[in-house]
Protein backbone atom coordinates (compact mmCIF):
# COMPACT_ATOMS: atom_id res chain seq x y z
CA MET A 1 -66.20 46.25 -41.77
CA ALA A 2 -63.71 47.89 -39.42
CA ILE A 3 -60.69 49.20 -41.70
CA PHE A 4 -56.81 49.58 -39.26
CA THR A 5 -54.39 52.11 -40.45
CA SER A 6 -50.61 51.89 -39.87
CA LYS A 7 -51.08 54.22 -37.55
CA GLU A 8 -53.02 51.88 -35.35
CA TYR A 9 -50.19 48.95 -35.46
CA LEU A 10 -47.90 51.11 -34.11
CA PRO A 11 -47.86 51.12 -30.84
CA TYR A 12 -47.93 46.65 -30.91
CA LEU A 13 -45.12 46.89 -33.12
CA THR A 14 -43.19 49.15 -30.84
CA ALA A 15 -43.70 47.36 -27.76
CA VAL A 16 -43.01 43.84 -29.44
CA LEU A 17 -39.55 45.64 -31.06
CA VAL A 18 -39.03 46.59 -27.33
CA GLY A 19 -39.60 43.33 -26.06
CA VAL A 20 -37.11 41.70 -28.58
CA ILE A 21 -34.26 44.14 -27.96
CA PHE A 22 -34.43 43.65 -23.65
CA GLY A 23 -34.73 39.58 -24.61
CA VAL A 24 -31.17 40.17 -26.36
CA LEU A 25 -29.91 42.06 -23.95
CA ILE A 26 -30.49 39.53 -21.03
CA PHE A 27 -29.32 36.71 -22.70
CA THR A 28 -26.16 37.92 -24.20
CA PHE A 29 -25.98 39.01 -20.36
CA ILE A 30 -26.28 36.15 -18.28
CA ASN A 31 -24.64 33.58 -21.56
CA LYS A 32 -21.55 36.28 -20.71
CA ASN A 33 -21.62 35.63 -17.28
CA ASN A 34 -22.39 32.00 -16.67
CA PHE A 35 -21.64 30.56 -19.60
CA PRO A 36 -18.33 30.79 -20.32
CA ALA A 37 -16.27 29.99 -23.58
CA GLU A 38 -14.86 26.36 -23.81
CA ASN A 39 -11.62 28.03 -23.46
CA GLU A 40 -11.97 29.21 -20.53
CA ILE A 41 -13.71 26.02 -18.89
CA ILE A 42 -10.86 23.54 -19.85
CA SER A 43 -8.31 25.75 -18.41
CA LYS A 44 -9.85 26.14 -15.05
CA ASN A 45 -10.23 22.03 -15.10
CA LEU A 46 -6.61 21.72 -16.10
CA ILE A 47 -5.70 24.49 -13.15
CA GLY A 48 -8.24 22.14 -10.33
CA ASN A 49 -7.06 19.11 -11.45
CA SER A 50 -3.44 19.56 -11.42
CA PHE A 51 -1.80 17.64 -8.50
CA ASN A 52 1.86 19.23 -8.85
CA GLU A 53 1.63 20.65 -5.84
CA ALA A 54 1.04 16.91 -4.02
CA VAL A 55 3.99 15.64 -6.39
CA ASN A 56 6.36 18.23 -5.45
CA LYS A 57 5.58 17.51 -1.47
CA ALA A 58 6.29 14.11 -2.00
CA SER A 59 8.67 13.64 -4.40
CA PRO A 60 11.83 14.49 -2.65
CA SER A 61 10.88 11.51 -0.17
CA VAL A 62 11.11 9.67 -2.69
CA VAL A 63 14.57 7.87 -3.50
CA ASN A 64 15.79 5.08 -5.56
CA ILE A 65 17.36 1.96 -4.75
CA TYR A 66 19.69 -0.11 -6.56
CA SER A 67 20.63 -3.31 -4.94
CA ASP A 68 23.17 -6.04 -6.14
CA VAL A 69 22.68 -9.55 -4.88
CA LEU A 70 24.74 -12.73 -5.26
CA VAL A 71 22.81 -15.05 -7.15
CA ASN A 72 23.01 -18.76 -8.92
CA ASP A 73 24.74 -18.63 -12.15
CA ARG A 74 22.17 -21.66 -13.35
CA ARG A 75 23.30 -20.74 -17.24
CA SER A 76 24.41 -24.09 -19.07
CA GLN A 77 27.34 -25.31 -19.01
CA SER A 78 29.77 -28.69 -19.86
CA PRO A 79 30.47 -30.87 -17.76
CA PHE A 80 33.84 -30.54 -17.84
CA SER A 81 33.33 -26.65 -16.52
CA ASP A 82 31.56 -28.52 -13.52
CA ARG A 83 34.32 -30.79 -12.64
CA PHE A 84 37.05 -27.81 -13.18
CA ASN A 85 35.20 -25.83 -11.08
CA SER A 86 34.57 -28.25 -7.89
CA ILE A 87 38.52 -29.08 -8.64
CA PHE A 88 39.45 -25.49 -7.95
CA GLY A 89 37.01 -24.76 -5.37
CA LEU A 90 35.19 -22.16 -7.83
CA ASN A 91 31.67 -21.12 -7.03
CA LYS A 92 29.39 -19.87 -9.91
CA ALA A 93 27.76 -17.24 -8.14
CA ARG A 94 27.56 -13.98 -9.63
CA ILE A 95 26.43 -10.50 -8.12
CA GLN A 96 23.33 -9.19 -9.87
CA SER A 97 21.66 -5.76 -9.78
CA SER A 98 18.32 -5.08 -8.99
CA LEU A 99 16.48 -1.64 -8.73
CA GLY A 100 13.37 -0.03 -6.89
CA SER A 101 12.23 2.19 -4.56
CA GLY A 102 12.09 3.55 -1.35
CA VAL A 103 10.52 6.26 0.87
CA ILE A 104 12.56 8.09 3.65
CA PHE A 105 10.47 7.90 6.78
CA TYR A 106 12.49 10.31 9.22
CA SER A 107 14.59 12.83 8.33
CA ASN A 108 17.69 11.29 9.81
CA GLY A 109 18.28 8.70 7.13
CA TYR A 110 15.88 5.87 7.78
CA ILE A 111 14.16 4.61 4.83
CA LEU A 112 11.43 2.02 3.96
CA THR A 113 11.04 -0.22 0.56
CA ASN A 114 10.38 -3.71 -0.05
CA GLN A 115 12.64 -6.76 1.53
CA HIS A 116 12.56 -8.18 -2.34
CA VAL A 117 13.81 -5.10 -3.48
CA ILE A 118 16.88 -5.57 -1.77
CA GLY A 119 17.03 -9.23 -1.92
CA ASP A 120 18.17 -11.79 0.58
CA ARG A 121 22.06 -12.37 -0.32
CA ASN A 122 22.85 -8.83 -0.57
CA VAL A 123 26.36 -7.55 -0.99
CA GLY A 124 25.78 -4.08 -1.33
CA ILE A 125 22.71 -0.97 -1.41
CA THR A 126 22.78 2.30 -3.00
CA VAL A 127 20.42 4.76 -2.48
CA GLU A 128 19.88 7.76 -4.78
CA LEU A 129 18.49 11.14 -3.69
CA SER A 130 15.82 12.88 -5.48
CA ASN A 131 18.72 15.57 -5.98
CA GLY A 132 20.70 13.13 -7.88
CA LEU A 133 23.43 11.74 -4.73
CA LYS A 134 23.75 8.71 -3.76
CA GLU A 135 24.86 7.00 -1.19
CA LYS A 136 25.24 3.59 0.59
CA ALA A 137 23.05 2.37 2.67
CA LYS A 138 22.92 -0.47 5.47
CA ILE A 139 19.77 -2.86 6.35
CA ILE A 140 18.21 -2.36 9.64
CA GLY A 141 15.65 -4.96 9.79
CA ILE A 142 13.55 -7.00 8.06
CA ASP A 143 9.98 -8.58 8.01
CA LYS A 144 9.00 -11.33 5.30
CA GLY A 145 6.04 -11.29 6.51
CA THR A 146 5.07 -8.16 5.18
CA ASP A 147 7.71 -8.18 2.96
CA LEU A 148 9.03 -4.51 4.42
CA ALA A 149 12.58 -3.42 5.37
CA VAL A 150 14.42 -0.80 6.71
CA LEU A 151 17.37 1.19 5.57
CA LYS A 152 19.55 3.78 6.90
CA ILE A 153 21.62 6.51 5.32
CA ASP A 154 24.13 9.11 6.97
CA GLN A 155 23.67 12.08 6.09
CA ASN A 156 24.55 15.36 7.89
CA GLU A 157 21.69 17.77 6.52
CA GLU A 158 17.70 16.31 7.60
CA LEU A 159 16.29 14.66 4.89
CA SER A 160 12.97 15.42 3.66
CA SER A 161 10.69 13.15 5.62
CA ILE A 162 6.70 12.13 3.55
CA GLU A 163 4.34 13.07 5.47
CA ILE A 164 1.69 10.33 6.36
CA ALA A 165 -2.07 9.71 6.11
CA ASN A 166 -4.02 7.32 7.75
CA SER A 167 -4.95 4.74 5.09
CA ASP A 168 -8.06 4.11 7.12
CA ASN A 169 -9.89 7.07 6.11
CA LEU A 170 -9.09 5.88 2.01
CA LYS A 171 -12.16 5.50 0.23
CA ILE A 172 -13.01 3.32 -3.04
CA GLY A 173 -12.40 6.11 -5.65
CA ASP A 174 -10.48 8.10 -4.14
CA ILE A 175 -7.36 9.83 -6.22
CA VAL A 176 -4.32 8.17 -5.84
CA LEU A 177 -0.68 8.57 -7.44
CA ALA A 178 2.03 6.21 -7.24
CA ILE A 179 5.90 7.69 -7.25
CA GLY A 180 8.55 5.18 -7.94
CA ASN A 181 11.33 4.23 -10.11
CA PRO A 182 9.63 1.98 -12.94
CA TYR A 183 12.57 0.25 -14.78
CA GLY A 184 14.84 2.45 -14.12
CA LEU A 185 13.87 5.20 -16.27
CA GLY A 186 14.13 7.76 -12.87
CA GLN A 187 11.49 8.75 -10.78
CA SER A 188 7.44 9.09 -12.42
CA VAL A 189 4.36 9.48 -11.85
CA SER A 190 1.20 7.95 -12.26
CA MET A 191 -2.84 8.20 -11.46
CA GLY A 192 -5.43 6.31 -10.71
CA ILE A 193 -7.99 5.60 -8.16
CA VAL A 194 -8.59 3.10 -5.11
CA SER A 195 -9.91 -0.07 -6.52
CA ALA A 196 -10.14 -1.30 -3.25
CA THR A 197 -8.80 -1.94 0.37
CA GLY A 198 -8.47 -5.03 2.88
CA ARG A 199 -7.23 -7.22 -0.36
CA GLU A 200 -5.11 -10.28 0.93
CA PHE A 201 -4.06 -11.87 -1.94
CA ASN A 202 -3.07 -15.12 -0.21
CA ASN A 203 -0.72 -13.27 2.16
CA PRO A 204 -2.51 -12.88 6.26
CA TYR A 205 0.17 -9.92 7.10
CA SER A 206 -0.99 -7.20 5.10
CA ASP A 207 -4.69 -6.12 3.92
CA TYR A 208 -3.44 -4.09 0.87
CA ILE A 209 -4.90 -1.20 -1.31
CA GLN A 210 -5.86 -1.80 -4.37
CA THR A 211 -5.50 0.87 -7.32
CA ASP A 212 -5.88 1.17 -11.00
CA ALA A 213 -1.98 3.30 -10.63
CA SER A 214 0.40 2.30 -13.13
CA ILE A 215 3.19 -0.23 -10.54
CA ASN A 216 5.54 -1.33 -12.74
CA ARG A 217 9.11 -3.12 -12.49
CA GLY A 218 10.96 -0.88 -10.15
CA ASN A 219 8.19 0.44 -8.60
CA SER A 220 7.97 -1.63 -5.34
CA GLY A 221 9.23 0.65 -2.83
CA GLY A 222 8.14 3.94 -3.50
CA ALA A 223 5.13 5.96 -2.49
CA LEU A 224 1.82 5.22 -3.03
CA ILE A 225 0.29 9.13 -2.16
CA ASP A 226 -3.03 11.23 -1.99
CA THR A 227 -3.96 14.16 -3.28
CA SER A 228 -2.29 16.62 -0.88
CA GLY A 229 0.78 14.60 -1.33
CA ARG A 230 0.66 12.55 2.05
CA LEU A 231 1.72 8.86 2.05
CA VAL A 232 -1.59 6.91 2.25
CA GLY A 233 0.80 2.88 1.21
CA ILE A 234 3.95 1.61 -0.09
CA ASN A 235 3.84 0.20 -3.68
CA THR A 236 4.67 -3.73 -2.75
CA LEU A 237 3.13 -5.94 -6.01
CA ILE A 238 1.21 -6.42 -9.29
CA ARG A 239 -1.07 -8.95 -10.21
CA SER A 240 -0.38 -9.49 -14.22
CA SER A 241 -0.62 -11.99 -16.91
CA THR A 242 2.28 -9.79 -18.50
CA GLY A 243 4.67 -9.57 -15.96
CA GLY A 244 3.70 -5.02 -16.79
CA SER A 245 0.89 -3.38 -15.52
CA GLU A 246 -2.58 -4.37 -16.08
CA GLY A 247 -4.58 -2.44 -13.65
CA ILE A 248 -4.38 -4.17 -10.45
CA GLY A 249 -1.48 -2.49 -8.49
CA LEU A 250 -1.20 -3.66 -4.51
CA ALA A 251 0.52 -1.49 -1.35
CA ILE A 252 0.94 -2.13 1.62
CA PRO A 253 -1.67 0.84 3.92
CA SER A 254 0.43 3.81 5.84
CA ALA A 255 -1.34 2.35 8.86
CA ARG A 256 0.10 -0.83 9.06
CA VAL A 257 3.13 0.27 8.09
CA LEU A 258 3.85 2.27 11.15
CA GLY A 259 4.05 -0.21 13.73
CA ILE A 260 6.30 -2.13 11.44
CA ILE A 261 9.05 0.09 10.92
CA ASN A 262 9.42 1.24 14.58
CA ASP A 263 9.71 -2.71 15.65
CA LEU A 264 12.23 -2.98 12.64
CA ILE A 265 14.20 0.37 13.95
CA GLN A 266 13.96 -0.86 17.42
CA TYR A 267 14.43 -4.36 17.52
CA GLY A 268 15.62 -5.28 14.04
CA GLU A 269 12.12 -7.52 13.46
CA VAL A 270 8.39 -6.98 14.21
CA LYS A 271 7.28 -8.21 17.46
CA ARG A 272 4.11 -10.53 16.83
CA GLY A 273 1.70 -11.81 19.34
CA TRP A 274 1.83 -15.35 20.55
CA LEU A 275 -1.52 -16.90 21.51
CA GLY A 276 -0.52 -20.06 23.13
CA PHE A 277 -2.75 -22.78 21.42
CA GLY A 278 -3.08 -25.55 18.88
CA ILE A 279 -5.18 -26.40 16.56
CA ASP A 280 -7.00 -29.41 15.32
CA ARG A 281 -5.63 -30.29 12.12
CA ARG A 282 -7.78 -33.35 11.50
CA VAL A 283 -11.09 -31.68 12.40
CA LEU A 284 -10.38 -28.85 10.70
CA ALA A 285 -9.76 -30.45 7.48
CA THR A 286 -12.74 -32.73 8.09
CA GLN A 287 -15.48 -30.60 9.57
CA ASN A 288 -13.79 -27.45 9.19
CA LEU A 289 -14.32 -26.67 13.04
CA LEU A 290 -11.58 -24.77 14.89
CA LYS A 291 -10.68 -27.04 17.73
CA ILE A 292 -8.12 -26.53 20.30
CA SER A 293 -5.94 -29.46 20.29
CA PHE A 294 -3.43 -28.35 23.03
CA VAL A 295 -2.77 -25.38 25.50
CA TYR A 296 0.76 -24.34 26.25
CA PRO A 297 1.70 -24.26 30.12
CA ASN A 298 1.98 -20.98 31.19
CA GLY A 299 1.12 -19.51 27.65
CA PRO A 300 -1.72 -16.23 27.06
CA ALA A 301 -4.33 -19.07 26.21
CA LYS A 302 -3.81 -21.16 29.72
CA GLU A 303 -3.98 -17.80 30.86
CA ALA A 304 -7.43 -17.24 29.48
CA ASN A 305 -8.78 -20.23 30.71
CA LEU A 306 -8.53 -21.52 27.35
CA GLU A 307 -8.95 -25.57 27.43
CA GLU A 308 -8.14 -28.34 25.05
CA GLY A 309 -11.66 -29.23 23.31
CA ASP A 310 -12.69 -26.14 23.21
CA ILE A 311 -14.67 -24.96 19.52
CA ILE A 312 -13.99 -21.47 18.52
CA ILE A 313 -16.99 -20.23 17.39
CA GLU A 314 -16.35 -16.54 16.47
CA ILE A 315 -13.21 -14.68 16.42
CA ASN A 316 -13.71 -10.69 17.24
CA GLU A 317 -17.16 -10.72 16.64
CA GLN A 318 -16.80 -12.56 12.86
CA LYS A 319 -17.74 -16.55 12.34
CA SER A 320 -14.52 -18.35 13.19
CA SER A 321 -12.13 -19.58 9.73
CA TYR A 322 -8.69 -20.68 9.87
CA PRO A 323 -7.79 -17.62 7.64
CA LEU A 324 -9.70 -15.52 10.36
CA LEU A 325 -7.44 -16.86 13.36
CA PHE A 326 -4.05 -16.50 11.47
CA GLN A 327 -4.92 -13.00 10.02
CA GLU A 328 -5.58 -11.99 13.55
CA PHE A 329 -2.97 -13.54 14.60
CA ALA A 330 -0.14 -12.60 12.08
CA ARG A 331 -1.80 -8.66 13.08
CA SER A 332 -1.39 -8.87 16.79
CA LYS A 333 1.13 -7.41 18.54
CA PRO A 334 1.81 -8.13 22.02
CA GLY A 335 -0.84 -7.15 24.42
CA THR A 336 -3.33 -7.26 21.76
CA ILE A 337 -6.77 -8.34 23.16
CA ILE A 338 -8.31 -10.80 21.16
CA LYS A 339 -12.08 -11.79 21.36
CA PHE A 340 -13.45 -15.24 21.20
CA LYS A 341 -16.44 -17.03 21.49
CA ILE A 342 -16.39 -20.79 21.91
CA LEU A 343 -18.07 -23.81 22.39
CA ARG A 344 -17.30 -26.36 25.12
CA ASP A 345 -19.58 -28.98 26.98
CA GLY A 346 -22.48 -27.68 24.91
CA ASN A 347 -22.19 -24.10 26.75
CA TYR A 348 -21.13 -21.02 24.55
CA LEU A 349 -18.03 -18.89 26.74
CA ASP A 350 -16.97 -15.23 25.73
CA ILE A 351 -13.10 -15.35 26.17
CA ASP A 352 -10.98 -12.26 25.99
CA LEU A 353 -7.05 -13.38 25.25
CA LEU A 354 -4.16 -11.19 25.85
CA THR A 355 -1.90 -11.94 23.47
CA SER A 356 1.90 -11.79 24.79
CA ILE A 357 5.81 -12.43 22.99
CA VAL A 358 6.52 -15.95 22.70
CA SER A 359 8.55 -17.32 25.19
CA ASN A 360 11.74 -19.00 24.54
């Protein structure tokens, strides 16, 4: 039987010891360089995920809007009070203040907001800039279809106008920030994502951006920006059962806003295309078909050779429907080409209709 002495084990023990020491050194080196401490990870994430630069870039272009609106006082009064007012010609209208937000679009003082922020019977509008200065504003134009309005303030110095991004490039899941004046608290920022695009919510004039960024009363007319501080939408409304934010906020896309604000500044209203034909409501209700009931003389439909009795099968290569027809009409500008596929006497025809301004 072979007998091993301690000297015979020595080379093996030395090799094992060297291996252990080498392994500890390698692990320490890797752990130190590739696995930073938890506080370092948190610090880096906080720095990388801060939107301070975007907010600082956009916030000077977002203003608070205070509007005085004439409303009828519907509070209960005695019959004597009613007779008293009628005898002496005293009206029961009173001034009610509302608040909202707006966005400086052009440095010479043009501001975009929601029409419902300034109301229908407006008697005074005050714009508060980000530096605290307050200026009286006048209405340049309104478009009730999209719920947008343009205001103008006079300033000797150029204002900080917002940079505009193309909202058509937004993707579901993109991070967005809502800037506005919720509940009159002053300028505030909330963060969310783009939940959906192309939402109508019974308004064919707009294809809203849907976001879960908190939008509350007073945010209307404020800016929805991307993480670079560029405008992607105008915050307009919320869908809520309580009146507060429940994660469904809607903003008018910047791509749609651009054409509207230019029309409002130039004409005081939005110029939309005219098709020049009518739809048979009875056929629509009973058969769900878009049948042309009449064609206006010298109108766009007449010029395109559409005829009474034609049935519209497709609109811009989409299956026809009345909502789609109204949507394409509502969003078209004079000079827009709308493509129709129609059925006439058993034959399918492709017709391009060039919209025009409604003739007086």
